[in-house]
């Protein structure tokens, strides 16, 4: 990939789920977990990730290497321009067997408030 980006996905973009097709043709790096600094909320048909310094969990997901075109497609699908999600750096648990990429790794963080939304725990399936 001439220009690539690392994206951690934790919800409907994961393999086998309803929006996984948006990652077709991209490089699946493997399963990954965040450091315990985040919470995931059930926003109806999809989850929303929020940073949580006080009571964070280690969120399960997947790490993908995507090209510029795919990243633009994901930004549109995630509603970045509309303010639904924002792409930010996410911290993952290091793995001795397969070191993490050196490049920044980003995830889509939910922007609106989550009052009244149930907590999803550490995995959206």
Protein backbone atom coordinates (compact mmCIF):
# COMPACT_ATOMS: atom_id res chain seq x y z
CA UNK A 1 0.00 0.00 0.00
CA UNK A 2 1.48 3.32 -1.09
CA UNK A 3 -0.19 5.23 1.75
CA UNK A 4 -1.61 3.17 4.55
CA UNK A 5 -3.34 3.72 7.85
CA UNK A 6 -3.88 1.46 10.85
CA UNK A 7 -7.47 1.20 12.09
CA UNK A 8 -8.74 -0.66 15.15
CA UNK A 9 -12.35 -1.77 14.60
CA UNK A 10 -14.49 -2.98 17.49
CA UNK A 11 -18.06 -3.19 16.19
CA UNK A 12 -20.01 -3.78 13.00
CA UNK A 13 -16.86 -3.50 10.84
CA UNK A 14 -15.36 -6.67 12.35
CA UNK A 15 -15.11 -9.76 10.16
CA UNK A 16 -18.41 -11.60 9.83
CA UNK A 17 -20.53 -8.64 10.91
CA UNK A 18 -22.90 -6.50 8.83
CA UNK A 19 -20.43 -3.84 7.64
CA UNK A 20 -17.29 -5.95 7.27
CA UNK A 21 -17.55 -5.57 3.48
CA UNK A 22 -16.21 -2.01 3.83
CA UNK A 23 -12.81 -3.58 4.59
CA UNK A 24 -12.75 -5.91 1.57
CA UNK A 25 -9.35 -5.85 -0.11
CA UNK A 26 -7.57 -4.40 2.93
CA UNK A 27 -4.99 -6.14 5.12
CA UNK A 28 -6.27 -7.87 8.27
CA UNK A 29 -3.42 -7.73 10.79
CA UNK A 30 -5.11 -9.72 13.54
CA UNK A 31 -7.23 -9.56 16.64
CA UNK A 32 -6.27 -6.95 19.21
CA UNK A 33 -7.28 -5.43 22.54
CA UNK A 34 -7.07 -1.89 23.79
CA UNK A 35 -5.42 -0.96 27.03
CA UNK A 36 -8.10 -0.74 29.78
CA UNK A 37 -8.86 2.92 29.11
CA UNK A 38 -12.11 2.74 27.14
CA UNK A 39 -15.81 1.88 27.43
CA UNK A 40 -18.15 0.71 24.68
CA UNK A 41 -21.85 1.60 24.60
CA UNK A 42 -24.82 0.09 22.76
CA UNK A 43 -26.12 2.86 20.48
CA UNK A 44 -28.86 0.67 18.99
CA UNK A 45 -27.58 -1.25 15.99
CA UNK A 46 -23.94 -0.30 16.51
CA UNK A 47 -21.54 0.41 19.37
CA UNK A 48 -19.87 3.66 20.36
CA UNK A 49 -16.39 3.81 21.88
CA UNK A 50 -15.51 6.40 24.53
CA UNK A 51 -12.29 7.04 26.45
CA UNK A 52 -12.67 6.28 30.17
CA UNK A 53 -9.70 7.00 32.39
CA UNK A 54 -11.39 5.97 35.65
CA UNK A 55 -13.15 2.68 34.91
CA UNK A 56 -12.00 1.66 31.46
CA UNK A 57 -12.04 -1.83 30.00
CA UNK A 58 -9.78 -3.59 27.54
CA UNK A 59 -11.96 -3.61 24.39
CA UNK A 60 -11.70 -6.53 21.96
CA UNK A 61 -11.46 -5.82 18.23
CA UNK A 62 -9.42 -6.18 15.07
CA UNK A 63 -6.52 -4.29 13.59
CA UNK A 64 -6.57 -3.45 9.88
CA UNK A 65 -4.14 -1.74 7.53
CA UNK A 66 -6.19 0.30 5.05
CA UNK A 67 -5.39 2.49 2.07
CA UNK A 68 -6.43 6.13 1.56
CA UNK A 69 -9.52 5.21 -0.47
CA UNK A 70 -10.76 2.79 2.18
CA UNK A 71 -10.11 5.29 4.97
CA UNK A 72 -12.18 7.91 3.14
CA UNK A 73 -14.96 5.34 2.65
CA UNK A 74 -14.86 4.43 6.35
CA UNK A 75 -14.96 8.11 7.35
CA UNK A 76 -18.12 8.56 5.23
CA UNK A 77 -19.72 5.40 6.60
CA UNK A 78 -18.91 6.35 10.21
CA UNK A 79 -20.41 9.83 9.79
CA UNK A 80 -17.19 11.74 10.56
CA UNK A 81 -18.30 14.83 8.57
CA UNK A 82 -21.65 14.80 10.40
CA UNK A 83 -19.98 14.63 13.82
CA UNK A 84 -21.19 11.12 14.72
CA UNK A 85 -17.67 9.69 15.08
CA UNK A 86 -14.17 11.11 15.15
CA UNK A 87 -10.97 9.22 14.36
CA UNK A 88 -8.45 9.34 17.23
CA UNK A 89 -5.39 7.44 18.34
CA UNK A 90 -6.17 4.34 20.38
CA UNK A 91 -3.78 2.46 22.68
CA UNK A 92 -3.52 -1.30 22.20
CA UNK A 93 -2.10 -4.02 24.42
CA UNK A 94 1.37 -4.97 23.12
CA UNK A 95 1.88 -8.58 22.03
CA UNK A 96 5.22 -10.35 22.19
CA UNK A 97 4.29 -12.83 19.45
CA UNK A 98 3.32 -10.16 16.91
CA UNK A 99 4.59 -6.63 17.61
CA UNK A 100 2.19 -3.77 16.89
CA UNK A 101 2.86 -1.46 13.95
CA UNK A 102 4.99 1.57 14.70
CA UNK A 103 2.54 3.93 12.95
CA UNK A 104 -0.28 5.53 14.92
CA UNK A 105 -3.30 3.29 15.31
CA UNK A 106 -6.68 4.98 15.21
CA UNK A 107 -10.24 4.02 16.08
CA UNK A 108 -13.61 5.67 15.58
CA UNK A 109 -14.77 7.31 18.81
CA UNK A 110 -18.43 8.13 19.32
CA UNK A 111 -19.03 11.88 19.66
CA UNK A 112 -22.62 12.30 20.98
CA UNK A 113 -23.45 11.75 24.63
CA UNK A 114 -24.09 8.24 25.91
CA UNK A 115 -26.48 8.98 28.79
CA UNK A 116 -29.05 6.20 28.86
CA UNK A 117 -27.10 3.89 26.56
CA UNK A 118 -26.23 0.51 28.05
CA UNK A 119 -22.63 -0.52 28.46
CA UNK A 120 -21.56 -3.29 26.05
CA UNK A 121 -18.74 -4.72 28.11
CA UNK A 122 -15.54 -5.54 26.26
CA UNK A 123 -16.84 -7.14 23.04
CA UNK A 124 -19.46 -6.34 20.38
CA UNK A 125 -20.52 -9.50 18.58
